[in-house]
C-alpha atoms as a PDB file:
ATOM      1  CA  MET A   1     -23.566   1.989  20.415  1.00  0.00           C
ATOM      2  CA  SER A   2     -25.128  -1.223  19.160  1.00  0.00           C
ATOM      3  CA  THR A   3     -22.818  -4.243  19.170  1.00  0.00           C
ATOM      4  CA  ALA A   4     -24.675  -5.770  16.216  1.00  0.00           C
ATOM      5  CA  HIS A   5     -22.549  -3.750  13.767  1.00  0.00           C
ATOM      6  CA  ALA A   6     -19.343  -3.547  15.814  1.00  0.00           C
ATOM      7  CA  PRO A   7     -16.488  -5.752  14.589  1.00  0.00           C
ATOM      8  CA  GLN A   8     -15.736  -8.842  16.617  1.00  0.00           C
ATOM      9  CA  GLN A   9     -12.612  -8.635  18.759  1.00  0.00           C
ATOM     10  CA  ASN A  10     -10.094 -11.294  17.827  1.00  0.00           C
ATOM     11  CA  ALA A  11      -8.698 -13.533  20.565  1.00  0.00           C
ATOM     12  CA  ARG A  12      -5.891 -14.538  18.145  1.00  0.00           C
ATOM     13  CA  ALA A  13      -4.662 -10.927  17.660  1.00  0.00           C
ATOM     14  CA  GLY A  14      -0.904 -10.869  17.111  1.00  0.00           C
ATOM     15  CA  GLU A  15      -0.651 -14.558  16.229  1.00  0.00           C
ATOM     16  CA  PRO A  16       0.613 -15.634  12.797  1.00  0.00           C
ATOM     17  CA  VAL A  17      -2.162 -16.526  10.367  1.00  0.00           C
ATOM     18  CA  ASP A  18      -2.700 -20.131   9.292  1.00  0.00           C
ATOM     19  CA  ARG A  19      -1.214 -21.503   6.048  1.00  0.00           C
ATOM     20  CA  ASP A  20      -4.405 -21.184   3.966  1.00  0.00           C
ATOM     21  CA  THR A  21      -4.962 -17.577   5.063  1.00  0.00           C
ATOM     22  CA  HIS A  22      -1.323 -16.740   4.363  1.00  0.00           C
ATOM     23  CA  PHE A  23      -1.612 -18.206   0.872  1.00  0.00           C
ATOM     24  CA  ALA A  24      -4.781 -16.183   0.177  1.00  0.00           C
ATOM     25  CA  ILE A  25      -3.074 -13.001   1.382  1.00  0.00           C
ATOM     26  CA  GLU A  26       0.000 -13.710  -0.722  1.00  0.00           C
ATOM     27  CA  ARG A  27      -2.201 -14.264  -3.794  1.00  0.00           C
ATOM     28  CA  PHE A  28      -3.998 -10.980  -3.075  1.00  0.00           C
ATOM     29  CA  LEU A  29      -0.722  -9.022  -2.944  1.00  0.00           C
ATOM     30  CA  ILE A  30       0.631 -10.679  -6.091  1.00  0.00           C
ATOM     31  CA  ARG A  31      -2.580  -9.938  -7.996  1.00  0.00           C
ATOM     32  CA  GLU A  32      -2.548  -6.355  -6.760  1.00  0.00           C
ATOM     33  CA  ALA A  33       1.044  -5.907  -8.023  1.00  0.00           C
ATOM     34  CA  ARG A  34       0.102  -7.370 -11.415  1.00  0.00           C
ATOM     35  CA  LEU A  35      -2.907  -5.065 -11.769  1.00  0.00           C
ATOM     36  CA  LEU A  36      -0.716  -2.061 -10.990  1.00  0.00           C
ATOM     37  CA  ASP A  37       2.075  -3.238 -13.332  1.00  0.00           C
ATOM     38  CA  GLN A  38      -0.492  -3.575 -16.130  1.00  0.00           C
ATOM     39  CA  GLU A  39      -2.072  -0.203 -15.285  1.00  0.00           C
ATOM     40  CA  ARG A  40      -5.427  -1.826 -14.608  1.00  0.00           C
ATOM     41  CA  LEU A  41      -6.075   0.920 -12.093  1.00  0.00           C
ATOM     42  CA  HIS A  42      -9.874   0.683 -11.921  1.00  0.00           C
ATOM     43  CA  GLU A  43      -9.592  -3.025 -11.103  1.00  0.00           C
ATOM     44  CA  TRP A  44      -7.021  -2.092  -8.457  1.00  0.00           C
ATOM     45  CA  LEU A  45      -9.449   0.420  -6.926  1.00  0.00           C
ATOM     46  CA  ALA A  46     -11.970  -2.419  -6.560  1.00  0.00           C
ATOM     47  CA  LEU A  47      -9.488  -4.134  -4.205  1.00  0.00           C
ATOM     48  CA  LEU A  48      -9.698  -1.238  -1.722  1.00  0.00           C
ATOM     49  CA  THR A  49     -12.176  -0.695   1.091  1.00  0.00           C
ATOM     50  CA  PRO A  50     -14.221   2.530   1.034  1.00  0.00           C
ATOM     51  CA  ASP A  51     -12.531   3.630   4.289  1.00  0.00           C
ATOM     52  CA  ILE A  52      -8.953   3.019   3.101  1.00  0.00           C
ATOM     53  CA  ARG A  53      -6.036   5.068   4.348  1.00  0.00           C
ATOM     54  CA  TYR A  54      -3.072   4.967   1.942  1.00  0.00           C
ATOM     55  CA  ARG A  55      -0.044   6.886   3.101  1.00  0.00           C
ATOM     56  CA  LEU A  56       3.628   7.472   2.484  1.00  0.00           C
ATOM     57  CA  PRO A  57       5.245   9.225   5.443  1.00  0.00           C
ATOM     58  CA  VAL A  58       8.490  11.132   5.118  1.00  0.00           C
ATOM     59  CA  GLN A  59      11.398   9.184   6.609  1.00  0.00           C
ATOM     60  CA  GLU A  60      12.551  11.250   9.522  1.00  0.00           C
ATOM     61  CA  ILE A  61      16.183  10.987  10.583  1.00  0.00           C
ATOM     62  CA  ARG A  62      16.253  10.479  14.345  1.00  0.00           C
ATOM     63  CA  TYR A  63      18.503   9.260  17.065  1.00  0.00           C
ATOM     64  CA  ARG A  64      17.825   5.697  18.216  1.00  0.00           C
ATOM     65  CA  LYS A  65      16.477   6.913  21.573  1.00  0.00           C
ATOM     66  CA  ASP A  66      13.619   8.751  19.790  1.00  0.00           C
ATOM     67  CA  GLN A  67      11.034   5.973  19.485  1.00  0.00           C
ATOM     68  CA  LYS A  68       8.106   7.961  18.059  1.00  0.00           C
ATOM     69  CA  PRO A  69       6.498   6.110  15.124  1.00  0.00           C
ATOM     70  CA  ILE A  70       7.546   7.198  11.616  1.00  0.00           C
ATOM     71  CA  GLY A  71       5.044   9.710  10.269  1.00  0.00           C
ATOM     72  CA  SER A  72       3.777  10.726  13.718  1.00  0.00           C
ATOM     73  CA  ALA A  73       4.745  14.401  13.290  1.00  0.00           C
ATOM     74  CA  THR A  74       2.033  16.602  11.763  1.00  0.00           C
ATOM     75  CA  GLY A  75       2.393  17.171   8.021  1.00  0.00           C
ATOM     76  CA  THR A  76       5.100  14.576   7.479  1.00  0.00           C
ATOM     77  CA  ASN A  77       3.416  12.560   4.733  1.00  0.00           C
ATOM     78  CA  ILE A  78       4.311  12.707   1.065  1.00  0.00           C
ATOM     79  CA  TYR A  79       0.761  11.556   0.594  1.00  0.00           C
ATOM     80  CA  ASP A  80      -2.024  10.528   2.924  1.00  0.00           C
ATOM     81  CA  ASP A  81      -4.930   9.499   0.715  1.00  0.00           C
ATOM     82  CA  ASP A  82      -8.408   8.184   1.313  1.00  0.00           C
ATOM     83  CA  TYR A  83     -10.506   6.387  -1.299  1.00  0.00           C
ATOM     84  CA  ARG A  84     -11.744   9.638  -2.831  1.00  0.00           C
ATOM     85  CA  LEU A  85      -8.201  10.915  -3.443  1.00  0.00           C
ATOM     86  CA  LEU A  86      -6.995   7.577  -4.821  1.00  0.00           C
ATOM     87  CA  GLU A  87      -9.963   7.483  -7.188  1.00  0.00           C
ATOM     88  CA  MET A  88      -9.187  11.051  -8.267  1.00  0.00           C
ATOM     89  CA  ARG A  89      -5.564  10.073  -9.020  1.00  0.00           C
ATOM     90  CA  VAL A  90      -6.798   7.155 -11.162  1.00  0.00           C
ATOM     91  CA  ARG A  91      -9.323   9.354 -13.004  1.00  0.00           C
ATOM     92  CA  ARG A  92      -6.554  11.866 -13.676  1.00  0.00           C
ATOM     93  CA  MET A  93      -4.589   9.101 -15.420  1.00  0.00           C
ATOM     94  CA  ASP A  94      -7.679   8.423 -17.569  1.00  0.00           C
ATOM     95  CA  THR A  95      -7.513  11.965 -18.977  1.00  0.00           C
ATOM     96  CA  GLY A  96      -4.204  11.360 -20.764  1.00  0.00           C
ATOM     97  CA  LEU A  97      -3.038  14.749 -19.500  1.00  0.00           C
ATOM     98  CA  VAL A  98      -0.500  13.547 -16.939  1.00  0.00           C
ATOM     99  CA  TRP A  99       2.608  14.911 -18.655  1.00  0.00           C
ATOM    100  CA  PHE A 100       4.999  12.642 -16.779  1.00  0.00           C
ATOM    101  CA  GLU A 101       3.168   9.604 -18.137  1.00  0.00           C
ATOM    102  CA  ASP A 102       3.327  10.647 -21.795  1.00  0.00           C
ATOM    103  CA  PRO A 103       5.118   8.754 -23.142  1.00  0.00           C
ATOM    104  CA  LYS A 104       4.065   6.051 -20.741  1.00  0.00           C
ATOM    105  CA  SER A 105       6.533   4.758 -18.210  1.00  0.00           C
ATOM    106  CA  THR A 106       6.757   1.083 -17.350  1.00  0.00           C
ATOM    107  CA  ALA A 107       6.872  -0.183 -13.798  1.00  0.00           C
ATOM    108  CA  ARG A 108       7.488  -3.535 -12.181  1.00  0.00           C
ATOM    109  CA  ARG A 109       6.689  -4.306  -8.557  1.00  0.00           C
ATOM    110  CA  LEU A 110       8.378  -7.113  -6.679  1.00  0.00           C
ATOM    111  CA  ILE A 111       6.682  -7.996  -3.394  1.00  0.00           C
ATOM    112  CA  THR A 112       8.440 -10.331  -0.962  1.00  0.00           C
ATOM    113  CA  ASN A 113       9.003 -11.250   2.703  1.00  0.00           C
ATOM    114  CA  ILE A 114       5.266 -11.394   3.312  1.00  0.00           C
ATOM    115  CA  ASP A 115       4.376 -11.939   6.950  1.00  0.00           C
ATOM    116  CA  ALA A 116       0.832 -11.817   8.310  1.00  0.00           C
ATOM    117  CA  GLU A 117      -0.766 -11.957  11.717  1.00  0.00           C
ATOM    118  CA  TRP A 118      -4.288 -11.696  12.982  1.00  0.00           C
ATOM    119  CA  SER A 119      -5.422  -8.175  13.787  1.00  0.00           C
ATOM    120  CA  ALA A 120      -7.457  -7.001  16.748  1.00  0.00           C
ATOM    121  CA  ARG A 121     -10.575  -7.197  14.553  1.00  0.00           C
ATOM    122  CA  GLU A 122     -11.812 -10.686  13.716  1.00  0.00           C
ATOM    123  CA  ASP A 123     -12.118  -9.934   9.981  1.00  0.00           C
ATOM    124  CA  GLU A 124      -8.717  -8.257   9.521  1.00  0.00           C
ATOM    125  CA  VAL A 125      -5.062  -9.204   9.263  1.00  0.00           C
ATOM    126  CA  ASP A 126      -1.927  -7.106   9.593  1.00  0.00           C
ATOM    127  CA  VAL A 127       0.494  -7.782   6.766  1.00  0.00           C
ATOM    128  CA  TYR A 128       4.132  -6.782   6.480  1.00  0.00           C
ATOM    129  CA  SER A 129       5.938  -7.015   3.135  1.00  0.00           C
ATOM    130  CA  THR A 130       8.988  -5.618   1.423  1.00  0.00           C
ATOM    131  CA  PHE A 131       9.031  -4.262  -2.103  1.00  0.00           C
ATOM    132  CA  LEU A 132      11.211  -3.206  -4.965  1.00  0.00           C
ATOM    133  CA  VAL A 133       9.610  -0.984  -7.586  1.00  0.00           C
ATOM    134  CA  TYR A 134      11.477  -0.321 -10.812  1.00  0.00           C
ATOM    135  CA  ARG A 135      10.180   2.377 -13.124  1.00  0.00           C
ATOM    136  CA  ASN A 136      11.560   3.315 -16.523  1.00  0.00           C
ATOM    137  CA  ARG A 137      10.605   6.119 -18.862  1.00  0.00           C
ATOM    138  CA  ARG A 138      12.319   6.960 -22.089  1.00  0.00           C
ATOM    139  CA  GLN A 139      15.884   5.836 -22.544  1.00  0.00           C
ATOM    140  CA  ARG A 140      17.673   6.817 -19.334  1.00  0.00           C
ATOM    141  CA  ASP A 141      14.972   7.950 -16.956  1.00  0.00           C
ATOM    142  CA  GLU A 142      14.670   5.218 -14.350  1.00  0.00           C
ATOM    143  CA  ALA A 143      13.905   4.996 -10.667  1.00  0.00           C
ATOM    144  CA  TRP A 144      14.267   2.321  -8.022  1.00  0.00           C
ATOM    145  CA  LEU A 145      12.140   2.447  -4.891  1.00  0.00           C
ATOM    146  CA  VAL A 146      12.880   0.030  -2.062  1.00  0.00           C
ATOM    147  CA  GLY A 147      11.111  -0.315   1.240  1.00  0.00           C
ATOM    148  CA  CYS A 148       8.430  -2.048   3.246  1.00  0.00           C
ATOM    149  CA  ARG A 149       4.679  -1.839   3.521  1.00  0.00           C
ATOM    150  CA  GLU A 150       2.516  -2.257   6.573  1.00  0.00           C
ATOM    151  CA  ASP A 151      -0.955  -3.227   5.397  1.00  0.00           C
ATOM    152  CA  ARG A 152      -4.255  -4.059   6.980  1.00  0.00           C
ATOM    153  CA  LEU A 153      -6.396  -6.408   4.903  1.00  0.00           C
ATOM    154  CA  ARG A 154     -10.074  -6.957   5.620  1.00  0.00           C
ATOM    155  CA  LEU A 155     -12.045 -10.044   4.641  1.00  0.00           C
ATOM    156  CA  THR A 156     -15.275  -9.010   2.913  1.00  0.00           C
ATOM    157  CA  GLY A 157     -17.984 -10.878   1.048  1.00  0.00           C
ATOM    158  CA  ALA A 158     -15.946 -10.232  -2.121  1.00  0.00           C
ATOM    159  CA  GLY A 159     -12.697 -11.547  -0.589  1.00  0.00           C
ATOM    160  CA  TRP A 160      -9.695  -9.738   0.880  1.00  0.00           C
ATOM    161  CA  ARG A 161      -9.604  -5.962   0.475  1.00  0.00           C
ATOM    162  CA  LEU A 162      -6.920  -3.419   1.354  1.00  0.00           C
ATOM    163  CA  ALA A 163      -8.106  -1.250   4.251  1.00  0.00           C
ATOM    164  CA  GLU A 164      -4.861   0.494   5.162  1.00  0.00           C
ATOM    165  CA  ARG A 165      -1.344   0.825   3.751  1.00  0.00           C
ATOM    166  CA  THR A 166       1.666   2.607   5.162  1.00  0.00           C
ATOM    167  CA  ILE A 167       4.655   2.688   2.820  1.00  0.00           C
ATOM    168  CA  LEU A 168       8.124   3.194   4.273  1.00  0.00           C
ATOM    169  CA  LEU A 169      10.859   3.970   1.769  1.00  0.00           C
ATOM    170  CA  ASP A 170      14.421   3.004   2.645  1.00  0.00           C
ATOM    171  CA  GLN A 171      15.821   6.040   0.833  1.00  0.00           C
ATOM    172  CA  ARG A 172      16.355   9.051   3.097  1.00  0.00           C
ATOM    173  CA  VAL A 173      16.230  11.308   0.042  1.00  0.00           C
ATOM    174  CA  VAL A 174      14.038  10.171  -2.844  1.00  0.00           C
ATOM    175  CA  LEU A 175      15.754  11.086  -6.105  1.00  0.00           C
ATOM    176  CA  ASP A 176      12.795  10.137  -8.291  1.00  0.00           C
ATOM    177  CA  LYS A 177      11.326  13.056 -10.246  1.00  0.00           C
ATOM    178  CA  ASN A 178       7.882  12.243  -8.904  1.00  0.00           C
ATOM    179  CA  LEU A 179       6.168   9.684  -6.730  1.00  0.00           C
ATOM    180  CA  HIS A 180       3.099   9.249  -8.889  1.00  0.00           C
ATOM    181  CA  VAL A 181       3.482   5.467  -8.904  1.00  0.00           C
ATOM    182  CA  PHE A 182       1.247   3.396  -6.619  1.00  0.00           C
ATOM    183  CA  ILE A 183       3.334   1.130  -4.413  1.00  0.00           C
END
């Protein structure tokens, strides 16, 4: 394999990012949340890399001695999407035929506790954040989703882009009627 196209290995892997990089990452996540809150889904898609992996594993109840990573069992994801599937979900919203979104629900995403460190690849960072997503539809139909996200952001010629996201919900049983919302 030619090393001309291989990503550079990062000697700083695991170290916290510098202040300017952290600020840029924070701005990226805040903008992403705003685009999703405003349902500017095509603009949100532009923030993703073509090789993105976007997944929400099922929280498995385990004893403390079982140290397997969450989502490591086969078939334990609520969703495990690539760019094509995410784009299809956005296009589906464009049709106006998503019954759960008519009338439209409103959502607000709060992103906090952002921590970032350099990844093994020179052009990537690993980002940890916590979130609270509130969604309301009609008078009494509301949902609260709380958890953390483990992201990988990649620096491209167009700026930071989301290359990977793993969403971990704190709820053991999700009582929401659907998980159509992007987190």
